[in-house]
Amino acid sequence: MRAPASRAPEAITFERDYRGTIDQAQHVRADLAKVVAGCPISDDLVLLASELSTNAILHSRSGHPDRTFTVRVTLYPGDYAWGEVIDHGGRSTTSTGAGWPSLRQ
């Protein structure tokens, strides 16, 4: 007789849009901390989201009061977490890759 399969806990998802102003990083931290409270890696998730949000504000076209960026985190309790920040792309107006170091010798 087979033992019943155990079900994995349901995923916990967080997704929110934020204005592209520097003060929004603190709101990302506060909002996400509420959702991931009790998770063993909650501090790491909050730090990751804060750093990526700050990068989106400072280094992408999302960094403007009239634009937004999105924070998305999915927790799979007892397994893993997935976090991402979606912005409006880089500020560069060219596609030459100028400013990036070359990997060619």
PDB file of N, CA and C in Angstrom:
ATOM      1  N   MET A   1       0.837  -1.176   0.000  1.00  0.00           N
ATOM      2  CA  MET A   1       0.000   0.000   0.000  1.00  0.00           C
ATOM      3  C   MET A   1       0.885   1.245   0.000  1.00  0.00           C
ATOM      4  N   ARG A   2       0.559   2.194  -0.858  1.00  0.00           N
ATOM      5  CA  ARG A   2       1.332   3.431  -0.955  1.00  0.00           C
ATOM      6  C   ARG A   2       0.892   4.437   0.088  1.00  0.00           C
ATOM      7  N   ALA A   3       1.874   5.132   0.614  1.00  0.00           N
ATOM      8  CA  ALA A   3       1.566   6.209   1.564  1.00  0.00           C
ATOM      9  C   ALA A   3       1.018   7.394   0.794  1.00  0.00           C
ATOM     10  N   PRO A   4       0.079   8.106   1.355  1.00  0.00           N
ATOM     11  CA  PRO A   4      -0.450   9.283   0.657  1.00  0.00           C
ATOM     12  C   PRO A   4       0.651  10.312   0.438  1.00  0.00           C
ATOM     13  N   ALA A   5       0.637  10.920  -0.716  1.00  0.00           N
ATOM     14  CA  ALA A   5       1.628  11.951  -1.040  1.00  0.00           C
ATOM     15  C   ALA A   5       1.342  13.199  -0.219  1.00  0.00           C
ATOM     16  N   SER A   6       2.405  13.795   0.293  1.00  0.00           N
ATOM     17  CA  SER A   6       2.215  15.039   1.034  1.00  0.00           C
ATOM     18  C   SER A   6       2.150  16.192   0.053  1.00  0.00           C
ATOM     19  N   ARG A   7       1.311  17.124   0.352  1.00  0.00           N
ATOM     20  CA  ARG A   7       1.159  18.291  -0.508  1.00  0.00           C
ATOM     21  C   ARG A   7       2.088  19.396  -0.053  1.00  0.00           C
ATOM     22  N   ALA A   8       2.701  20.028  -0.999  1.00  0.00           N
ATOM     23  CA  ALA A   8       3.548  21.174  -0.687  1.00  0.00           C
ATOM     24  C   ALA A   8       2.656  22.342  -0.260  1.00  0.00           C
ATOM     25  N   PRO A   9       3.135  23.174   0.662  1.00  0.00           N
ATOM     26  CA  PRO A   9       2.354  24.344   1.052  1.00  0.00           C
ATOM     27  C   PRO A   9       2.095  25.241  -0.157  1.00  0.00           C
ATOM     28  N   GLU A  10       0.992  25.929  -0.108  1.00  0.00           N
ATOM     29  CA  GLU A  10       0.652  26.848  -1.183  1.00  0.00           C
ATOM     30  C   GLU A  10       1.689  27.971  -1.276  1.00  0.00           C
ATOM     31  N   ALA A  11       1.918  28.420  -2.482  1.00  0.00           N
ATOM     32  CA  ALA A  11       2.847  29.534  -2.700  1.00  0.00           C
ATOM     33  C   ALA A  11       2.239  30.823  -2.147  1.00  0.00           C
ATOM     34  N   ILE A  12       3.101  31.664  -1.626  1.00  0.00           N
ATOM     35  CA  ILE A  12       2.709  32.983  -1.141  1.00  0.00           C
ATOM     36  C   ILE A  12       3.264  33.990  -2.137  1.00  0.00           C
ATOM     37  N   THR A  13       2.403  34.804  -2.708  1.00  0.00           N
ATOM     38  CA  THR A  13       2.858  35.746  -3.729  1.00  0.00           C
ATOM     39  C   THR A  13       2.658  37.188  -3.271  1.00  0.00           C
ATOM     40  N   PHE A  14       3.573  38.011  -3.713  1.00  0.00           N
ATOM     41  CA  PHE A  14       3.525  39.450  -3.457  1.00  0.00           C
ATOM     42  C   PHE A  14       3.873  40.129  -4.763  1.00  0.00           C
ATOM     43  N   GLU A  15       3.035  41.049  -5.205  1.00  0.00           N
ATOM     44  CA  GLU A  15       3.344  41.841  -6.397  1.00  0.00           C
ATOM     45  C   GLU A  15       2.721  43.216  -6.216  1.00  0.00           C
ATOM     46  N   ARG A  16       3.556  44.226  -6.393  1.00  0.00           N
ATOM     47  CA  ARG A  16       3.080  45.592  -6.216  1.00  0.00           C
ATOM     48  C   ARG A  16       3.888  46.538  -7.087  1.00  0.00           C
ATOM     49  N   ASP A  17       3.227  47.558  -7.616  1.00  0.00           N
ATOM     50  CA  ASP A  17       3.878  48.620  -8.381  1.00  0.00           C
ATOM     51  C   ASP A  17       4.198  49.777  -7.454  1.00  0.00           C
ATOM     52  N   TYR A  18       5.349  50.408  -7.699  1.00  0.00           N
ATOM     53  CA  TYR A  18       5.796  51.553  -6.916  1.00  0.00           C
ATOM     54  C   TYR A  18       6.189  52.686  -7.851  1.00  0.00           C
ATOM     55  N   ARG A  19       6.011  53.922  -7.373  1.00  0.00           N
ATOM     56  CA  ARG A  19       6.466  55.090  -8.137  1.00  0.00           C
ATOM     57  C   ARG A  19       7.983  55.098  -8.198  1.00  0.00           C
ATOM     58  N   GLY A  20       8.537  55.692  -9.212  1.00  0.00           N
ATOM     59  CA  GLY A  20       9.975  55.693  -9.419  1.00  0.00           C
ATOM     60  C   GLY A  20      10.719  56.765  -8.660  1.00  0.00           C
ATOM     61  N   THR A  21      10.413  56.951  -7.390  1.00  0.00           N
ATOM     62  CA  THR A  21      11.115  57.936  -6.565  1.00  0.00           C
ATOM     63  C   THR A  21      11.871  57.216  -5.453  1.00  0.00           C
ATOM     64  N   ILE A  22      12.978  57.816  -5.029  1.00  0.00           N
ATOM     65  CA  ILE A  22      13.897  57.157  -4.106  1.00  0.00           C
ATOM     66  C   ILE A  22      13.248  56.784  -2.777  1.00  0.00           C
ATOM     67  N   ASP A  23      12.226  57.510  -2.358  1.00  0.00           N
ATOM     68  CA  ASP A  23      11.568  57.179  -1.096  1.00  0.00           C
ATOM     69  C   ASP A  23      10.796  55.860  -1.157  1.00  0.00           C
ATOM     70  N   GLN A  24      10.580  55.332  -2.342  1.00  0.00           N
ATOM     71  CA  GLN A  24       9.798  54.102  -2.478  1.00  0.00           C
ATOM     72  C   GLN A  24      10.540  52.859  -1.996  1.00  0.00           C
ATOM     73  N   ALA A  25      11.858  52.918  -1.925  1.00  0.00           N
ATOM     74  CA  ALA A  25      12.618  51.762  -1.437  1.00  0.00           C
ATOM     75  C   ALA A  25      12.212  51.414  -0.011  1.00  0.00           C
ATOM     76  N   GLN A  26      11.961  52.423   0.821  1.00  0.00           N
ATOM     77  CA  GLN A  26      11.535  52.136   2.201  1.00  0.00           C
ATOM     78  C   GLN A  26      10.147  51.501   2.225  1.00  0.00           C
ATOM     79  N   HIS A  27       9.288  51.862   1.278  1.00  0.00           N
ATOM     80  CA  HIS A  27       7.958  51.257   1.210  1.00  0.00           C
ATOM     81  C   HIS A  27       8.045  49.801   0.743  1.00  0.00           C
ATOM     82  N   VAL A  28       8.962  49.533  -0.178  1.00  0.00           N
ATOM     83  CA  VAL A  28       9.187  48.152  -0.615  1.00  0.00           C
ATOM     84  C   VAL A  28       9.598  47.309   0.587  1.00  0.00           C
ATOM     85  N   ARG A  29      10.550  47.794   1.373  1.00  0.00           N
ATOM     86  CA  ARG A  29      11.020  47.047   2.543  1.00  0.00           C
ATOM     87  C   ARG A  29       9.883  46.791   3.534  1.00  0.00           C
ATOM     88  N   ALA A  30       9.124  47.828   3.843  1.00  0.00           N
ATOM     89  CA  ALA A  30       8.044  47.689   4.830  1.00  0.00           C
ATOM     90  C   ALA A  30       6.947  46.751   4.331  1.00  0.00           C
ATOM     91  N   ASP A  31       6.542  46.905   3.084  1.00  0.00           N
ATOM     92  CA  ASP A  31       5.473  46.068   2.531  1.00  0.00           C
ATOM     93  C   ASP A  31       5.889  44.601   2.471  1.00  0.00           C
ATOM     94  N   LEU A  32       7.096  44.364   1.974  1.00  0.00           N
ATOM     95  CA  LEU A  32       7.557  42.991   1.825  1.00  0.00           C
ATOM     96  C   LEU A  32       7.814  42.334   3.178  1.00  0.00           C
ATOM     97  N   ALA A  33       8.327  43.101   4.138  1.00  0.00           N
ATOM     98  CA  ALA A  33       8.595  42.541   5.471  1.00  0.00           C
ATOM     99  C   ALA A  33       7.325  41.974   6.095  1.00  0.00           C
ATOM    100  N   LYS A  34       6.190  42.612   5.859  1.00  0.00           N
ATOM    101  CA  LYS A  34       4.912  42.107   6.390  1.00  0.00           C
ATOM    102  C   LYS A  34       4.558  40.761   5.764  1.00  0.00           C
ATOM    103  N   VAL A  35       4.820  40.622   4.477  1.00  0.00           N
ATOM    104  CA  VAL A  35       4.432  39.412   3.755  1.00  0.00           C
ATOM    105  C   VAL A  35       5.337  38.234   4.097  1.00  0.00           C
ATOM    106  N   VAL A  36       6.629  38.481   4.265  1.00  0.00           N
ATOM    107  CA  VAL A  36       7.580  37.382   4.472  1.00  0.00           C
ATOM    108  C   VAL A  36       7.923  37.149   5.942  1.00  0.00           C
ATOM    109  N   ALA A  37       7.228  37.824   6.837  1.00  0.00           N
ATOM    110  CA  ALA A  37       7.481  37.644   8.271  1.00  0.00           C
ATOM    111  C   ALA A  37       7.371  36.163   8.621  1.00  0.00           C
ATOM    112  N   GLY A  38       8.335  35.685   9.369  1.00  0.00           N
ATOM    113  CA  GLY A  38       8.343  34.287   9.774  1.00  0.00           C
ATOM    114  C   GLY A  38       9.107  33.379   8.833  1.00  0.00           C
ATOM    115  N   CYS A  39       9.424  33.860   7.661  1.00  0.00           N
ATOM    116  CA  CYS A  39      10.215  33.076   6.707  1.00  0.00           C
ATOM    117  C   CYS A  39      11.675  33.092   7.177  1.00  0.00           C
ATOM    118  N   PRO A  40      12.367  31.950   7.142  1.00  0.00           N
ATOM    119  CA  PRO A  40      13.750  31.915   7.628  1.00  0.00           C
ATOM    120  C   PRO A  40      14.702  32.844   6.867  1.00  0.00           C
ATOM    121  N   ILE A  41      14.360  33.204   5.658  1.00  0.00           N
ATOM    122  CA  ILE A  41      15.243  34.086   4.880  1.00  0.00           C
ATOM    123  C   ILE A  41      14.593  35.445   4.629  1.00  0.00           C
ATOM    124  N   SER A  42      13.702  35.847   5.524  1.00  0.00           N
ATOM    125  CA  SER A  42      12.967  37.102   5.318  1.00  0.00           C
ATOM    126  C   SER A  42      13.898  38.313   5.210  1.00  0.00           C
ATOM    127  N   ASP A  43      14.910  38.382   6.068  1.00  0.00           N
ATOM    128  CA  ASP A  43      15.837  39.522   6.009  1.00  0.00           C
ATOM    129  C   ASP A  43      16.545  39.584   4.659  1.00  0.00           C
ATOM    130  N   ASP A  44      16.954  38.432   4.149  1.00  0.00           N
ATOM    131  CA  ASP A  44      17.636  38.387   2.852  1.00  0.00           C
ATOM    132  C   ASP A  44      16.704  38.813   1.723  1.00  0.00           C
ATOM    133  N   LEU A  45      15.453  38.374   1.766  1.00  0.00           N
ATOM    134  CA  LEU A  45      14.487  38.749   0.725  1.00  0.00           C
ATOM    135  C   LEU A  45      14.209  40.248   0.735  1.00  0.00           C
ATOM    136  N   VAL A  46      14.061  40.807   1.918  1.00  0.00           N
ATOM    137  CA  VAL A  46      13.804  42.246   2.031  1.00  0.00           C
ATOM    138  C   VAL A  46      15.009  43.035   1.529  1.00  0.00           C
ATOM    139  N   LEU A  47      16.213  42.607   1.900  1.00  0.00           N
ATOM    140  CA  LEU A  47      17.425  43.290   1.432  1.00  0.00           C
ATOM    141  C   LEU A  47      17.551  43.196  -0.084  1.00  0.00           C
ATOM    142  N   LEU A  48      17.336  42.026  -0.634  1.00  0.00           N
ATOM    143  CA  LEU A  48      17.415  41.834  -2.080  1.00  0.00           C
ATOM    144  C   LEU A  48      16.431  42.746  -2.803  1.00  0.00           C
ATOM    145  N   ALA A  49      15.188  42.758  -2.368  1.00  0.00           N
ATOM    146  CA  ALA A  49      14.171  43.590  -3.017  1.00  0.00           C
ATOM    147  C   ALA A  49      14.509  45.070  -2.886  1.00  0.00           C
ATOM    148  N   SER A  50      15.034  45.469  -1.735  1.00  0.00           N
ATOM    149  CA  SER A  50      15.414  46.866  -1.530  1.00  0.00           C
ATOM    150  C   SER A  50      16.546  47.283  -2.467  1.00  0.00           C
ATOM    151  N   GLU A  51      17.570  46.436  -2.572  1.00  0.00           N
ATOM    152  CA  GLU A  51      18.702  46.747  -3.450  1.00  0.00           C
ATOM    153  C   GLU A  51      18.274  46.816  -4.914  1.00  0.00           C
ATOM    154  N   LEU A  52      17.485  45.843  -5.354  1.00  0.00           N
ATOM    155  CA  LEU A  52      17.038  45.844  -6.751  1.00  0.00           C
ATOM    156  C   LEU A  52      16.098  47.010  -7.039  1.00  0.00           C
ATOM    157  N   SER A  53      15.277  47.370  -6.072  1.00  0.00           N
ATOM    158  CA  SER A  53      14.383  48.521  -6.245  1.00  0.00           C
ATOM    159  C   SER A  53      15.177  49.819  -6.363  1.00  0.00           C
ATOM    160  N   THR A  54      16.173  49.955  -5.514  1.00  0.00           N
ATOM    161  CA  THR A  54      17.026  51.149  -5.573  1.00  0.00           C
ATOM    162  C   THR A  54      17.744  51.223  -6.914  1.00  0.00           C
ATOM    163  N   ASN A  55      18.228  50.089  -7.411  1.00  0.00           N
ATOM    164  CA  ASN A  55      18.867  50.074  -8.730  1.00  0.00           C
ATOM    165  C   ASN A  55      17.878  50.500  -9.819  1.00  0.00           C
ATOM    166  N   ALA A  56      16.648  50.017  -9.746  1.00  0.00           N
ATOM    167  CA  ALA A  56      15.637  50.391 -10.739  1.00  0.00           C
ATOM    168  C   ALA A  56      15.373  51.891 -10.710  1.00  0.00           C
ATOM    169  N   ILE A  57      15.335  52.464  -9.517  1.00  0.00           N
ATOM    170  CA  ILE A  57      15.076  53.899  -9.367  1.00  0.00           C
ATOM    171  C   ILE A  57      16.255  54.723  -9.878  1.00  0.00           C
ATOM    172  N   LEU A  58      17.462  54.318  -9.535  1.00  0.00           N
ATOM    173  CA  LEU A  58      18.646  55.119  -9.860  1.00  0.00           C
ATOM    174  C   LEU A  58      19.192  54.882 -11.260  1.00  0.00           C
ATOM    175  N   HIS A  59      19.002  53.689 -11.818  1.00  0.00           N
ATOM    176  CA  HIS A  59      19.708  53.343 -13.048  1.00  0.00           C
ATOM    177  C   HIS A  59      18.815  52.948 -14.217  1.00  0.00           C
ATOM    178  N   SER A  60      17.519  53.112 -14.095  1.00  0.00           N
ATOM    179  CA  SER A  60      16.639  52.759 -15.215  1.00  0.00           C
ATOM    180  C   SER A  60      15.686  53.914 -15.521  1.00  0.00           C
ATOM    181  N   ARG A  61      14.955  53.739 -16.573  1.00  0.00           N
ATOM    182  CA  ARG A  61      13.957  54.753 -16.933  1.00  0.00           C
ATOM    183  C   ARG A  61      12.777  54.740 -15.975  1.00  0.00           C
ATOM    184  N   SER A  62      12.741  53.811 -15.056  1.00  0.00           N
ATOM    185  CA  SER A  62      11.689  53.796 -14.035  1.00  0.00           C
ATOM    186  C   SER A  62      11.907  54.874 -12.984  1.00  0.00           C
ATOM    187  N   GLY A  63      13.122  55.412 -12.898  1.00  0.00           N
ATOM    188  CA  GLY A  63      13.467  56.388 -11.871  1.00  0.00           C
ATOM    189  C   GLY A  63      12.937  57.770 -12.155  1.00  0.00           C
ATOM    190  N   HIS A  64      11.634  57.916 -12.190  1.00  0.00           N
ATOM    191  CA  HIS A  64      10.966  59.186 -12.469  1.00  0.00           C
ATOM    192  C   HIS A  64       9.610  59.144 -11.772  1.00  0.00           C
ATOM    193  N   PRO A  65       9.165  60.258 -11.182  1.00  0.00           N
ATOM    194  CA  PRO A  65       7.890  60.250 -10.455  1.00  0.00           C
ATOM    195  C   PRO A  65       6.685  59.795 -11.289  1.00  0.00           C
ATOM    196  N   ASP A  66       6.756  59.958 -12.600  1.00  0.00           N
ATOM    197  CA  ASP A  66       5.640  59.560 -13.456  1.00  0.00           C
ATOM    198  C   ASP A  66       5.754  58.125 -13.947  1.00  0.00           C
ATOM    199  N   ARG A  67       6.792  57.414 -13.537  1.00  0.00           N
ATOM    200  CA  ARG A  67       6.992  56.025 -13.976  1.00  0.00           C
ATOM    201  C   ARG A  67       6.960  55.102 -12.768  1.00  0.00           C
ATOM    202  N   THR A  68       6.937  53.819 -13.041  1.00  0.00           N
ATOM    203  CA  THR A  68       6.840  52.841 -11.961  1.00  0.00           C
ATOM    204  C   THR A  68       7.818  51.684 -12.179  1.00  0.00           C
ATOM    205  N   PHE A  69       7.984  50.902 -11.141  1.00  0.00           N
ATOM    206  CA  PHE A  69       8.662  49.617 -11.216  1.00  0.00           C
ATOM    207  C   PHE A  69       7.819  48.642 -10.403  1.00  0.00           C
ATOM    208  N   THR A  70       7.989  47.366 -10.666  1.00  0.00           N
ATOM    209  CA  THR A  70       7.187  46.337 -10.014  1.00  0.00           C
ATOM    210  C   THR A  70       8.079  45.409  -9.206  1.00  0.00           C
ATOM    211  N   VAL A  71       7.655  45.119  -7.995  1.00  0.00           N
ATOM    212  CA  VAL A  71       8.339  44.142  -7.151  1.00  0.00           C
ATOM    213  C   VAL A  71       7.453  42.902  -7.102  1.00  0.00           C
ATOM    214  N   ARG A  72       8.055  41.766  -7.384  1.00  0.00           N
ATOM    215  CA  ARG A  72       7.324  40.490  -7.381  1.00  0.00           C
ATOM    216  C   ARG A  72       8.140  39.455  -6.616  1.00  0.00           C
ATOM    217  N   VAL A  73       7.537  38.856  -5.601  1.00  0.00           N
ATOM    218  CA  VAL A  73       8.185  37.815  -4.811  1.00  0.00           C
ATOM    219  C   VAL A  73       7.201  36.666  -4.651  1.00  0.00           C
ATOM    220  N   THR A  74       7.688  35.457  -4.844  1.00  0.00           N
ATOM    221  CA  THR A  74       6.885  34.261  -4.610  1.00  0.00           C
ATOM    222  C   THR A  74       7.661  33.351  -3.668  1.00  0.00           C
ATOM    223  N   LEU A  75       7.019  32.992  -2.567  1.00  0.00           N
ATOM    224  CA  LEU A  75       7.605  32.078  -1.593  1.00  0.00           C
ATOM    225  C   LEU A  75       6.986  30.704  -1.770  1.00  0.00           C
ATOM    226  N   TYR A  76       7.822  29.703  -1.801  1.00  0.00           N
ATOM    227  CA  TYR A  76       7.384  28.312  -1.809  1.00  0.00           C
ATOM    228  C   TYR A  76       7.870  27.731  -0.490  1.00  0.00           C
ATOM    229  N   PRO A  77       7.044  27.844   0.572  1.00  0.00           N
ATOM    230  CA  PRO A  77       7.486  27.474   1.921  1.00  0.00           C
ATOM    231  C   PRO A  77       8.127  26.084   1.974  1.00  0.00           C
ATOM    232  N   GLY A  78       9.275  26.047   2.639  1.00  0.00           N
ATOM    233  CA  GLY A  78      10.003  24.796   2.782  1.00  0.00           C
ATOM    234  C   GLY A  78      10.799  24.412   1.550  1.00  0.00           C
ATOM    235  N   ASP A  79      10.764  25.248   0.512  1.00  0.00           N
ATOM    236  CA  ASP A  79      11.452  24.901  -0.730  1.00  0.00           C
ATOM    237  C   ASP A  79      12.362  26.041  -1.182  1.00  0.00           C
ATOM    238  N   TYR A  80      11.807  27.107  -1.746  1.00  0.00           N
ATOM    239  CA  TYR A  80      12.620  28.217  -2.200  1.00  0.00           C
ATOM    240  C   TYR A  80      11.765  29.470  -2.363  1.00  0.00           C
ATOM    241  N   ALA A  81      12.443  30.585  -2.670  1.00  0.00           N
ATOM    242  CA  ALA A  81      11.778  31.868  -2.916  1.00  0.00           C
ATOM    243  C   ALA A  81      12.288  32.420  -4.233  1.00  0.00           C
ATOM    244  N   TRP A  82      11.423  33.159  -4.910  1.00  0.00           N
ATOM    245  CA  TRP A  82      11.787  33.804  -6.170  1.00  0.00           C
ATOM    246  C   TRP A  82      11.435  35.277  -6.032  1.00  0.00           C
ATOM    247  N   GLY A  83      12.402  36.154  -6.323  1.00  0.00           N
ATOM    248  CA  GLY A  83      12.143  37.585  -6.244  1.00  0.00           C
ATOM    249  C   GLY A  83      12.663  38.280  -7.476  1.00  0.00           C
ATOM    250  N   GLU A  84      11.934  39.299  -7.906  1.00  0.00           N
ATOM    251  CA  GLU A  84      12.374  40.078  -9.064  1.00  0.00           C
ATOM    252  C   GLU A  84      11.814  41.485  -8.987  1.00  0.00           C
ATOM    253  N   VAL A  85      12.533  42.398  -9.630  1.00  0.00           N
ATOM    254  CA  VAL A  85      12.077  43.776  -9.788  1.00  0.00           C
ATOM    255  C   VAL A  85      12.074  44.065 -11.272  1.00  0.00           C
ATOM    256  N   ILE A  86      10.936  44.498 -11.768  1.00  0.00           N
ATOM    257  CA  ILE A  86      10.773  44.776 -13.194  1.00  0.00           C
ATOM    258  C   ILE A  86      10.743  46.283 -13.380  1.00  0.00           C
ATOM    259  N   ASP A  87      11.662  46.782 -14.205  1.00  0.00           N
ATOM    260  CA  ASP A  87      11.707  48.220 -14.458  1.00  0.00           C
ATOM    261  C   ASP A  87      11.508  48.492 -15.945  1.00  0.00           C
ATOM    262  N   HIS A  88      11.664  49.758 -16.339  1.00  0.00           N
ATOM    263  CA  HIS A  88      11.437  50.177 -17.730  1.00  0.00           C
ATOM    264  C   HIS A  88      12.713  50.205 -18.556  1.00  0.00           C
ATOM    265  N   GLY A  89      13.715  49.438 -18.162  1.00  0.00           N
ATOM    266  CA  GLY A  89      14.928  49.340 -18.961  1.00  0.00           C
ATOM    267  C   GLY A  89      15.931  50.424 -18.664  1.00  0.00           C
ATOM    268  N   GLY A  90      17.107  50.258 -19.251  1.00  0.00           N
ATOM    269  CA  GLY A  90      18.216  51.178 -19.019  1.00  0.00           C
ATOM    270  C   GLY A  90      17.978  52.563 -19.584  1.00  0.00           C
ATOM    271  N   ARG A  91      18.773  53.493 -19.109  1.00  0.00           N
ATOM    272  CA  ARG A  91      18.648  54.883 -19.546  1.00  0.00           C
ATOM    273  C   ARG A  91      19.343  55.140 -20.881  1.00  0.00           C
ATOM    274  N   SER A  92      20.166  54.206 -21.338  1.00  0.00           N
ATOM    275  CA  SER A  92      20.902  54.380 -22.582  1.00  0.00           C
ATOM    276  C   SER A  92      19.947  54.502 -23.761  1.00  0.00           C
ATOM    277  N   THR A  93      20.303  55.362 -24.704  1.00  0.00           N
ATOM    278  CA  THR A  93      19.473  55.515 -25.898  1.00  0.00           C
ATOM    279  C   THR A  93      20.078  54.789 -27.083  1.00  0.00           C
ATOM    280  N   THR A  94      21.214  54.139 -26.859  1.00  0.00           N
ATOM    281  CA  THR A  94      21.846  53.394 -27.942  1.00  0.00           C
ATOM    282  C   THR A  94      21.855  51.921 -27.604  1.00  0.00           C
ATOM    283  N   SER A  95      22.033  51.097 -28.594  1.00  0.00           N
ATOM    284  CA  SER A  95      22.097  49.656 -28.353  1.00  0.00           C
ATOM    285  C   SER A  95      23.492  49.116 -28.632  1.00  0.00           C
ATOM    286  N   THR A  96      24.494  49.987 -28.563  1.00  0.00           N
ATOM    287  CA  THR A  96      25.860  49.571 -28.868  1.00  0.00           C
ATOM    288  C   THR A  96      26.544  48.904 -27.685  1.00  0.00           C
ATOM    289  N   GLY A  97      25.969  49.023 -26.508  1.00  0.00           N
ATOM    290  CA  GLY A  97      26.607  48.453 -25.331  1.00  0.00           C
ATOM    291  C   GLY A  97      27.743  49.315 -24.825  1.00  0.00           C
ATOM    292  N   ALA A  98      27.799  50.569 -25.259  1.00  0.00           N
ATOM    293  CA  ALA A  98      28.866  51.461 -24.817  1.00  0.00           C
ATOM    294  C   ALA A  98      28.863  51.545 -23.298  1.00  0.00           C
ATOM    295  N   GLY A  99      30.028  51.500 -22.716  1.00  0.00           N
ATOM    296  CA  GLY A  99      30.160  51.577 -21.285  1.00  0.00           C
ATOM    297  C   GLY A  99      30.282  50.231 -20.600  1.00  0.00           C
ATOM    298  N   TRP A 100      29.961  49.151 -21.306  1.00  0.00           N
ATOM    299  CA  TRP A 100      30.106  47.819 -20.743  1.00  0.00           C
ATOM    300  C   TRP A 100      31.484  47.288 -21.116  1.00  0.00           C
ATOM    301  N   PRO A 101      32.177  46.669 -20.191  1.00  0.00           N
ATOM    302  CA  PRO A 101      33.500  46.127 -20.535  1.00  0.00           C
ATOM    303  C   PRO A 101      33.372  44.998 -21.535  1.00  0.00           C
ATOM    304  N   SER A 102      34.331  44.918 -22.410  1.00  0.00           N
ATOM    305  CA  SER A 102      34.346  43.857 -23.419  1.00  0.00           C
ATOM    306  C   SER A 102      34.916  42.590 -22.817  1.00  0.00           C
ATOM    307  N   LEU A 103      34.338  41.447 -23.153  1.00  0.00           N
ATOM    308  CA  LEU A 103      34.865  40.163 -22.715  1.00  0.00           C
ATOM    309  C   LEU A 103      35.885  39.620 -23.694  1.00  0.00           C
ATOM    310  N   ARG A 104      36.024  40.287 -24.816  1.00  0.00           N
ATOM    311  CA  ARG A 104      36.997  39.840 -25.827  1.00  0.00           C
ATOM    312  C   ARG A 104      38.377  40.344 -25.461  1.00  0.00           C
ATOM    313  N   GLN A 105      39.358  39.534 -25.748  1.00  0.00           N
ATOM    314  CA  GLN A 105      40.758  39.916 -25.477  1.00  0.00           C
ATOM    315  C   GLN A 105      41.333  40.662 -26.648  1.00  0.00           C
TER     316      GLN A 105
END
